[in-house]
Structures are given as structure tokens and as C-alpha cells.
Amino acid sequence: MIIKTIQNTEHRQQSKELETVQLTQQIDIMTHTIQRERDRAAELELRARLFNFGKYKSADQEGMLDSLGAKVEEVYRGCVGDTEANLSTLQMLTVIESRLGELLENVEMIPKERLLMAERTKEKERRLRLRDEKMHQAKQHQEERLKRALERAQADIKKTTGKKLMARSQPPAGKLKTSQVYDISDKEKEEQLYFFT
């Protein structure tokens, strides 16, 4: 009986220690997360200050926000479709994010064979589209060449009158004569210096 109570207390103590370790780990994780979020908030606050510091005028900011909102709305309609709801830009971004999460989860559930088959068909469509574009460009280039050739054929013939202009010829380069007399005299001087001094 006493042994059982000792075992029970040891078991409780071990479970409490384990629970304490888990709770301290969770506290560490939470403190790291809080610190990271504080750093992120400070960075965002700094960016907001820089943005509002005068780098952009309020009219420019409004224009940028409107264009950004239009782009988000375009992406929203592409992802979710047309809806009658009048959502703000932030709400549309939230819906897009949740839709993207759903799609990523669904992609993980698709069998690999089916996914590979879909990728192959997409690649085939891309190659066909590129080939069609290349053929269209070649046809357009050929039409331009024919048009230029037709313009050249219909243009007036330019007849040159008079003698054809020739480039001025350069006079022949004169050959430099190196006098061997100086060479001989230099050799003689060297010999005289060598033998007679």
C-alpha cells in the first residue's frame, strides 16, 4: 500500500515535471513569437513613418492605393469570381489567402500521376502557343519583306549621271634609305677605339 502511494507520487511528480518542461517550452516559444512580432511591428512602424515622412505626397499615396486596390480586385475576381458583396481591399486579400490555402491543400491530395499528366498538358499547350506565335511572327516578317520588295520595285529608278566617284588614292610611300656609310664609319670608329687606345 505504501509502495503504491510512493509509486503514485513518483508518477505524479514525473508527470508534473514533464508538464513543467512542456509549459516552459511553450513559454519560450511564445516569448520568441512575441519578440518577433514586436520586431515586425517596429519595422512596419518605421516603414510607415518613412512613407509618411514626405517622400510621397498624399495625392500620390491615394493614387497608389487606388491602383493597388484595383489590382487586388482583379486578382480576387480571378481567384474567387464575381461576387455582389462590396468588400474592402483587406477583406479581399483575406479571402484570396484562404482560397490559396484551400487550393494548396487540394493539390497535396491529388495523385502524383494525375498532377504529372496535368503538367504535361499545360507544357504541351505552352509549346503549341509558342509555336503559333513564332509562325505568326515569321508570317508577319515575310509580309514586311514582300511589302518592302514591292515598294523597291515600284520606286523610280535612280540613274547616276556622270562619272562614278572614285576614292582618292594615296601616294606611294617613299622608301627610307638607310645609309650604310654611317654604319661602316661607326664600325670603323669602334675598331679604331679598340685597337688604337
Protein backbone atom coordinates (compact mmCIF):
# COMPACT_ATOMS: atom_id res chain seq x y z
CA MET A 1 0.00 0.00 0.00
CA ILE A 2 2.78 2.41 0.95
CA ILE A 3 4.75 1.28 -2.11
CA LYS A 4 1.76 2.05 -4.34
CA THR A 5 1.37 5.51 -2.85
CA ILE A 6 5.10 6.13 -3.30
CA GLN A 7 4.86 4.95 -6.91
CA ASN A 8 1.79 7.11 -7.46
CA THR A 9 3.53 10.16 -6.01
CA GLU A 10 6.65 9.48 -8.12
CA HIS A 11 4.45 9.05 -11.18
CA ARG A 12 2.63 12.30 -10.38
CA GLN A 13 5.93 14.05 -9.80
CA GLN A 14 7.30 12.79 -13.15
CA SER A 15 4.13 13.84 -14.95
CA LYS A 16 4.29 17.26 -13.24
CA GLU A 17 7.96 17.63 -14.25
CA LEU A 18 7.11 16.64 -17.82
CA GLU A 19 4.22 19.08 -17.84
CA THR A 20 6.52 21.76 -16.41
CA VAL A 21 9.08 21.14 -19.16
CA GLN A 22 6.38 21.32 -21.83
CA LEU A 23 4.97 24.51 -20.35
CA THR A 24 8.41 26.14 -20.18
CA GLN A 25 8.99 25.19 -23.83
CA GLN A 26 5.63 26.71 -24.75
CA ILE A 27 6.50 29.84 -22.77
CA ASP A 28 9.83 30.10 -24.62
CA ILE A 29 8.09 29.67 -27.95
CA MET A 30 5.51 32.30 -27.05
CA THR A 31 8.16 34.77 -25.88
CA HIS A 32 10.10 34.27 -29.13
CA THR A 33 6.91 34.74 -31.12
CA ILE A 34 6.01 37.88 -29.17
CA GLN A 35 9.51 39.29 -29.68
CA ARG A 36 9.39 38.51 -33.38
CA GLU A 37 6.00 40.21 -33.70
CA ARG A 38 7.27 43.23 -31.76
CA ASP A 39 10.25 43.50 -34.11
CA ARG A 40 7.95 43.19 -37.09
CA ALA A 41 5.62 45.85 -35.67
CA ALA A 42 8.57 48.17 -35.10
CA GLU A 43 9.76 47.61 -38.66
CA LEU A 44 6.28 48.29 -40.04
CA GLU A 45 6.02 51.42 -37.92
CA LEU A 46 9.37 52.60 -39.26
CA ARG A 47 8.25 51.94 -42.82
CA ALA A 48 5.02 53.82 -42.19
CA ARG A 49 6.98 56.77 -40.82
CA LEU A 50 9.29 56.76 -43.83
CA PHE A 51 6.30 56.50 -46.14
CA ASN A 52 4.55 59.42 -44.46
CA PHE A 53 7.72 61.45 -43.95
CA GLY A 54 7.19 63.37 -47.15
CA LYS A 55 8.67 61.04 -49.69
CA TYR A 56 5.22 60.69 -51.22
CA LYS A 57 2.51 63.29 -51.28
CA SER A 58 -0.93 62.35 -50.03
CA ALA A 59 -2.37 62.57 -53.56
CA ASP A 60 0.33 60.19 -54.80
CA GLN A 61 -0.38 57.83 -51.92
CA GLU A 62 -4.09 57.83 -52.71
CA GLY A 63 -3.35 57.11 -56.36
CA MET A 64 -1.02 54.26 -55.44
CA LEU A 65 -3.57 52.80 -53.01
CA ASP A 66 -6.33 53.04 -55.63
CA SER A 67 -4.22 51.27 -58.25
CA LEU A 68 -3.22 48.64 -55.68
CA GLY A 69 -6.89 48.15 -54.74
CA ALA A 70 -7.82 47.73 -58.42
CA LYS A 71 -5.08 45.11 -58.86
CA VAL A 72 -6.24 43.23 -55.73
CA GLU A 73 -9.82 43.32 -57.03
CA GLU A 74 -8.65 41.91 -60.38
CA VAL A 75 -6.82 39.06 -58.63
CA TYR A 76 -9.85 38.49 -56.37
CA ARG A 77 -12.15 38.12 -59.38
CA GLY A 78 -9.68 35.74 -60.98
CA CYS A 79 -9.44 33.56 -57.86
CA VAL A 80 -12.93 33.69 -56.40
CA GLY A 81 -15.08 35.00 -59.22
CA ASP A 82 -17.53 37.87 -59.40
CA THR A 83 -19.46 38.45 -56.21
CA GLU A 84 -22.06 41.04 -55.38
CA ALA A 85 -20.51 41.74 -51.96
CA ASN A 86 -18.84 45.09 -51.52
CA LEU A 87 -15.58 44.04 -49.83
CA SER A 88 -12.67 46.19 -48.79
CA THR A 89 -9.19 45.54 -50.14
CA LEU A 90 -8.08 43.91 -46.89
CA GLN A 91 -11.12 41.61 -46.86
CA MET A 92 -10.45 40.63 -50.48
CA LEU A 93 -6.84 39.81 -49.58
CA THR A 94 -8.04 37.66 -46.67
CA VAL A 95 -10.41 35.75 -48.97
CA ILE A 96 -7.65 35.30 -51.56
CA GLU A 97 -5.30 33.97 -48.88
CA SER A 98 -7.86 31.47 -47.57
CA ARG A 99 -8.68 30.35 -51.13
CA LEU A 100 -4.99 29.86 -51.84
CA GLY A 101 -4.64 27.76 -48.69
CA GLU A 102 -7.58 25.58 -49.77
CA LEU A 103 -6.08 25.12 -53.22
CA LEU A 104 -2.69 24.16 -51.80
CA GLU A 105 -4.34 21.58 -49.53
CA ASN A 106 -6.25 20.19 -52.51
CA VAL A 107 -3.08 19.98 -54.59
CA GLU A 108 -1.46 17.82 -51.92
CA MET A 109 -4.39 15.39 -52.12
CA ILE A 110 -4.20 14.98 -55.91
CA PRO A 111 -2.45 11.79 -57.04
CA LYS A 112 1.00 12.40 -58.50
CA GLU A 113 0.16 10.68 -61.79
CA ARG A 114 -2.77 12.99 -62.38
CA LEU A 115 -0.68 16.01 -61.42
CA LEU A 116 2.09 14.98 -63.83
CA MET A 117 -0.48 14.48 -66.57
CA ALA A 118 -1.90 17.97 -65.97
CA GLU A 119 1.61 19.47 -66.03
CA ARG A 120 2.35 17.71 -69.33
CA THR A 121 -0.84 19.03 -70.93
CA LYS A 122 -0.01 22.55 -69.71
CA GLU A 123 3.51 22.25 -71.14
CA LYS A 124 2.10 20.96 -74.44
CA GLU A 125 -0.32 23.90 -74.61
CA ARG A 126 2.52 26.31 -73.88
CA ARG A 127 4.68 24.80 -76.64
CA LEU A 128 1.78 24.99 -79.12
CA ARG A 129 1.13 28.61 -78.20
CA LEU A 130 4.82 29.46 -78.63
CA ARG A 131 4.89 27.68 -81.99
CA ASP A 132 1.80 29.59 -83.16
CA GLU A 133 3.32 32.89 -82.05
CA LYS A 134 6.57 32.04 -83.84
CA MET A 135 4.71 31.15 -87.03
CA HIS A 136 2.69 34.36 -86.80
CA GLN A 137 5.87 36.41 -86.37
CA ALA A 138 7.52 34.64 -89.31
CA LYS A 139 4.46 35.29 -91.48
CA GLN A 140 4.43 38.94 -90.44
CA HIS A 141 8.15 39.24 -91.18
CA GLN A 142 7.64 37.67 -94.62
CA GLU A 143 4.79 40.09 -95.36
CA GLU A 144 7.01 43.03 -94.38
CA ARG A 145 9.79 41.75 -96.65
CA LEU A 146 7.36 41.39 -99.56
CA LYS A 147 5.98 44.87 -98.92
CA ARG A 148 9.48 46.38 -98.93
CA ALA A 149 10.37 44.47 -102.11
CA LEU A 150 7.18 45.72 -103.78
CA GLU A 151 7.99 49.29 -102.74
CA ARG A 152 11.50 48.94 -104.17
CA ALA A 153 10.10 47.53 -107.41
CA GLN A 154 7.59 50.36 -107.78
CA ALA A 155 10.06 53.09 -106.84
CA ASP A 156 11.56 55.31 -109.53
CA ILE A 157 14.83 54.10 -110.94
CA LYS A 158 17.69 56.34 -109.99
CA LYS A 159 20.14 56.78 -112.83
CA THR A 160 23.52 58.12 -111.98
CA THR A 161 24.80 60.78 -114.34
CA GLY A 162 28.41 61.49 -114.92
CA LYS A 163 31.46 59.62 -113.93
CA LYS A 164 31.39 57.43 -110.89
CA LEU A 165 33.18 59.00 -107.97
CA MET A 166 36.37 57.30 -107.02
CA ALA A 167 38.13 57.39 -103.74
CA ARG A 168 41.32 59.42 -103.67
CA SER A 169 44.35 57.21 -103.93
CA GLN A 170 47.21 57.61 -101.56
CA PRO A 171 50.65 58.46 -102.98
CA PRO A 172 53.14 55.65 -102.84
CA ALA A 173 55.11 55.54 -99.65
CA GLY A 174 58.72 56.56 -100.11
CA LYS A 175 61.36 54.10 -99.12
CA LEU A 176 63.65 55.23 -96.41
CA LYS A 177 67.26 54.75 -97.33
CA THR A 178 69.47 53.75 -94.53
CA SER A 179 72.94 54.77 -95.36
CA GLN A 180 75.42 52.05 -94.86
CA VAL A 181 78.16 54.62 -94.89
CA TYR A 182 77.27 55.67 -91.37
CA ASP A 183 77.16 52.06 -90.26
CA ILE A 184 80.58 51.44 -91.70
CA SER A 185 82.01 54.56 -90.22
CA ASP A 186 80.58 53.63 -86.83
CA LYS A 187 82.21 50.23 -87.11
CA GLU A 188 85.48 51.80 -88.09
CA LYS A 189 85.30 54.13 -85.11
CA GLU A 190 84.73 51.20 -82.81
CA GLU A 191 87.67 49.33 -84.31
CA GLN A 192 89.91 52.36 -84.02
CA LEU A 193 88.95 52.86 -80.41
CA TYR A 194 89.54 49.20 -79.67
CA PHE A 195 92.87 48.80 -81.45
CA PHE A 196 94.45 52.19 -81.04
CA THR A 197 93.68 53.02 -77.45
